[in-house]
Amino acid sequence: MRKLTYFIACSIDGFIGDPSGDASSMYQFVNEEFLEFLKTQYPETISTEGRKLLGFHGVENQQFDTVIQGRASYQVALDVNITSPYAQLREIVASRTLKESPDPNVELVSDDVVARVRELKAENSRLGIWLCGGSQLAGELIDEIDELVIKTYPLVYGSGMPMFGSDFAPTAFALDSVRVFDNGALVRAYSRTR
């Protein structure tokens, strides 16, 4: 059984973006040390365009072979005319508004995203599934999430888009590791307690 991992960036107070969903204030913490971590541990989570610019386009995927994201997360790429932001992965977009995919590498799921994730988890692969965002999709899939990898940047938003857009339901995870970076960012990994 493959794992679904919610690999996400957030503020100290647990927001993945400002009230409009913009997370660009977090980019300042992606310095050389942090980028090296991403390049070696999670290279597939850097966009295809970013990989080209950084000179490691052909690097093999380390953790994931599939990405699933919500419509709003995908829209960030569409707004700059990129229809396949993670071409190094099989891309799935959960959307009730897009009627046809703008790219052959992007599969649209308009209903029962939980069932589609369960199908993906049942596939035979050594690599997992990356839940890229956003908040509402994470809320819908919370029962399917096996692992959290949270990149926490030293910012407080006060309000904004929460990690999970869902009803109150305490869900237990066990801390597996913490990596601290010189710039104050940290990456915490948690496994689902079942």
Protein backbone atom coordinates (compact mmCIF):
# COMPACT_ATOMS: atom_id res chain seq x y z
CA MET A 1 0.00 0.00 0.00
CA ARG A 2 1.40 3.36 -1.04
CA LYS A 3 1.41 6.35 1.30
CA LEU A 4 -0.36 9.64 0.78
CA THR A 5 1.92 12.38 2.12
CA TYR A 6 0.76 15.92 2.73
CA PHE A 7 4.04 17.76 1.98
CA ILE A 8 3.25 21.38 2.65
CA ALA A 9 4.74 24.74 3.64
CA CYS A 10 3.17 26.71 6.46
CA SER A 11 3.64 29.55 8.89
CA ILE A 12 4.40 29.00 12.59
CA ASP A 13 0.69 29.38 13.31
CA GLY A 14 -0.33 26.74 10.76
CA PHE A 15 -1.40 28.75 7.70
CA ILE A 16 -0.40 27.64 4.20
CA GLY A 17 -1.16 31.03 2.71
CA ASP A 18 -2.60 34.42 3.49
CA PRO A 19 -6.41 34.88 3.41
CA SER A 20 -6.30 34.81 -0.41
CA GLY A 21 -4.04 31.72 -0.44
CA ASP A 22 -0.86 33.56 -1.42
CA ALA A 23 2.23 32.00 0.18
CA SER A 24 4.90 34.05 -1.61
CA SER A 25 6.12 35.58 1.68
CA MET A 26 7.54 32.13 2.53
CA TYR A 27 9.85 32.05 -0.51
CA GLN A 28 12.46 34.18 1.27
CA PHE A 29 13.37 31.15 3.42
CA VAL A 30 14.24 28.92 0.48
CA ASN A 31 17.94 29.70 0.73
CA GLU A 32 20.90 27.61 -0.43
CA GLU A 33 20.80 25.21 2.53
CA PHE A 34 17.04 24.66 2.27
CA LEU A 35 17.15 24.30 -1.50
CA GLU A 36 19.89 21.68 -1.21
CA PHE A 37 17.63 19.73 1.16
CA LEU A 38 14.77 19.89 -1.35
CA LYS A 39 17.03 18.98 -4.27
CA THR A 40 18.40 15.87 -2.56
CA GLN A 41 15.40 14.67 -0.51
CA TYR A 42 12.33 15.91 -2.42
CA PRO A 43 13.46 17.00 -5.91
CA GLU A 44 10.13 16.11 -7.52
CA THR A 45 8.37 18.74 -5.39
CA ILE A 46 10.15 21.54 -7.22
CA SER A 47 8.25 22.58 -10.33
CA THR A 48 9.46 21.46 -13.73
CA GLU A 49 10.34 25.05 -14.61
CA GLY A 50 12.19 25.49 -11.31
CA ARG A 51 14.19 22.32 -11.90
CA LYS A 52 15.25 23.59 -15.32
CA LEU A 53 16.30 26.97 -13.89
CA LEU A 54 18.25 25.31 -11.07
CA GLY A 55 19.99 22.88 -13.43
CA PHE A 56 18.75 19.55 -12.12
CA HIS A 57 15.91 18.75 -14.52
CA GLY A 58 16.87 15.09 -14.99
CA VAL A 59 17.21 14.17 -11.29
CA GLU A 60 15.33 11.01 -10.34
CA ASN A 61 12.24 11.27 -8.12
CA GLN A 62 13.04 10.29 -4.53
CA GLN A 63 9.71 10.16 -2.69
CA PHE A 64 6.76 10.50 -5.07
CA ASP A 65 5.64 9.52 -8.56
CA THR A 66 2.18 11.14 -8.36
CA VAL A 67 0.94 14.54 -7.22
CA ILE A 68 -2.62 15.50 -6.37
CA GLN A 69 -3.66 19.08 -5.88
CA GLY A 70 -6.78 21.17 -5.71
CA ARG A 71 -8.07 23.54 -8.34
CA ALA A 72 -6.83 26.70 -6.58
CA SER A 73 -3.30 25.30 -6.23
CA TYR A 74 -3.30 24.31 -9.89
CA GLN A 75 -4.58 27.75 -10.88
CA VAL A 76 -1.28 29.30 -9.72
CA ALA A 77 0.44 27.50 -12.63
CA LEU A 78 -2.35 28.19 -15.10
CA ASP A 79 -2.10 31.91 -14.30
CA VAL A 80 1.43 31.90 -15.78
CA ASN A 81 0.44 29.67 -18.74
CA ILE A 82 1.90 26.45 -17.31
CA THR A 83 -0.48 23.53 -17.79
CA SER A 84 1.78 20.81 -16.33
CA PRO A 85 3.67 22.30 -13.36
CA TYR A 86 5.07 18.95 -12.22
CA ALA A 87 5.67 17.12 -15.49
CA GLN A 88 8.13 14.78 -13.73
CA LEU A 89 5.10 13.31 -11.91
CA ARG A 90 1.69 11.95 -12.82
CA GLU A 91 -0.49 14.97 -12.09
CA ILE A 92 -4.03 14.82 -10.75
CA VAL A 93 -6.17 17.88 -10.13
CA ALA A 94 -9.34 17.72 -8.06
CA SER A 95 -11.75 20.17 -9.63
CA ARG A 96 -15.48 20.55 -10.03
CA THR A 97 -15.09 23.58 -12.31
CA LEU A 98 -12.56 22.46 -14.95
CA LYS A 99 -14.45 20.39 -17.50
CA GLU A 100 -11.51 19.23 -19.59
CA SER A 101 -7.83 18.96 -18.87
CA PRO A 102 -5.60 21.63 -20.43
CA ASP A 103 -2.70 19.14 -20.60
CA PRO A 104 -2.39 15.42 -21.47
CA ASN A 105 -0.29 14.87 -18.31
CA VAL A 106 -3.03 16.24 -16.03
CA GLU A 107 -5.93 14.02 -14.98
CA LEU A 108 -9.01 15.77 -13.65
CA VAL A 109 -11.08 14.26 -10.84
CA SER A 110 -14.43 15.96 -10.42
CA ASP A 111 -16.17 13.56 -8.05
CA ASP A 112 -15.19 11.17 -5.27
CA VAL A 113 -11.57 12.22 -4.89
CA VAL A 114 -11.32 9.89 -1.87
CA ALA A 115 -12.07 6.85 -4.07
CA ARG A 116 -9.46 7.99 -6.61
CA VAL A 117 -6.84 8.37 -3.88
CA ARG A 118 -7.65 4.89 -2.58
CA GLU A 119 -7.09 3.53 -6.11
CA LEU A 120 -3.75 5.32 -6.29
CA LYS A 121 -2.70 3.99 -2.88
CA ALA A 122 -3.49 0.43 -4.00
CA GLU A 123 -1.11 0.65 -6.98
CA ASN A 124 2.19 -1.20 -6.90
CA SER A 125 4.98 1.37 -6.72
CA ARG A 126 7.95 2.03 -4.43
CA LEU A 127 7.12 5.76 -4.54
CA GLY A 128 4.27 7.51 -2.81
CA ILE A 129 1.65 10.13 -3.58
CA TRP A 130 2.20 13.78 -2.80
CA LEU A 131 -0.77 15.84 -1.64
CA CYS A 132 0.39 19.28 -2.73
CA GLY A 133 -2.57 21.32 -1.49
CA GLY A 134 -4.79 23.02 -0.89
CA SER A 135 -6.64 23.42 2.32
CA GLN A 136 -10.07 22.15 1.24
CA LEU A 137 -8.65 19.12 -0.54
CA ALA A 138 -6.53 18.26 2.50
CA GLY A 139 -9.66 18.48 4.61
CA GLU A 140 -11.49 16.09 2.29
CA LEU A 141 -8.58 13.64 2.31
CA ILE A 142 -7.58 13.82 5.99
CA ASP A 143 -8.64 10.21 6.64
CA GLU A 144 -6.41 9.03 3.77
CA ILE A 145 -3.27 10.96 4.79
CA ASP A 146 -0.57 8.60 6.07
CA GLU A 147 2.23 11.11 6.57
CA LEU A 148 2.69 14.83 7.13
CA VAL A 149 5.88 16.59 6.09
CA ILE A 150 5.51 20.18 7.20
CA LYS A 151 7.98 22.84 6.11
CA THR A 152 7.48 25.49 8.78
CA TYR A 153 8.84 28.95 8.06
CA PRO A 154 9.50 31.49 10.86
CA LEU A 155 6.52 33.69 10.06
CA VAL A 156 3.26 34.33 11.89
CA TYR A 157 0.29 35.11 9.64
CA GLY A 158 -2.38 35.70 12.26
CA SER A 159 -5.05 34.54 9.82
CA GLY A 160 -5.16 32.96 6.43
CA MET A 161 -5.66 29.62 4.73
CA PRO A 162 -5.35 26.80 7.29
CA MET A 163 -3.51 23.55 6.58
CA PHE A 164 -6.83 21.71 6.73
CA GLY A 165 -10.13 23.19 5.64
CA SER A 166 -12.28 20.74 7.55
CA ASP A 167 -14.55 20.35 10.54
CA PHE A 168 -13.10 19.85 14.01
CA ALA A 169 -11.89 16.26 14.38
CA PRO A 170 -8.72 15.53 16.39
CA THR A 171 -6.50 13.23 14.34
CA ALA A 172 -3.35 11.75 15.88
CA PHE A 173 0.06 11.67 14.23
CA ALA A 174 3.41 10.62 15.75
CA LEU A 175 6.51 12.78 15.30
CA ASP A 176 9.20 10.94 13.31
CA SER A 177 11.82 13.63 12.75
CA VAL A 178 12.64 17.32 12.89
CA ARG A 179 15.26 19.07 10.80
CA VAL A 180 16.23 22.62 11.75
CA PHE A 181 17.79 25.03 9.26
CA ASP A 182 20.08 27.97 9.98
CA ASN A 183 17.48 30.47 8.74
CA GLY A 184 14.92 29.37 11.35
CA ALA A 185 12.89 27.11 9.03
CA LEU A 186 12.25 23.55 10.08
CA VAL A 187 10.84 20.41 8.53
CA ARG A 188 8.81 18.05 10.69
CA ALA A 189 7.74 14.58 9.58
CA TYR A 190 4.82 12.79 11.22
CA SER A 191 3.30 9.35 10.66
CA ARG A 192 -0.39 8.61 11.04
CA THR A 193 -1.32 6.89 14.30
CA ARG A 194 -3.94 4.29 13.41
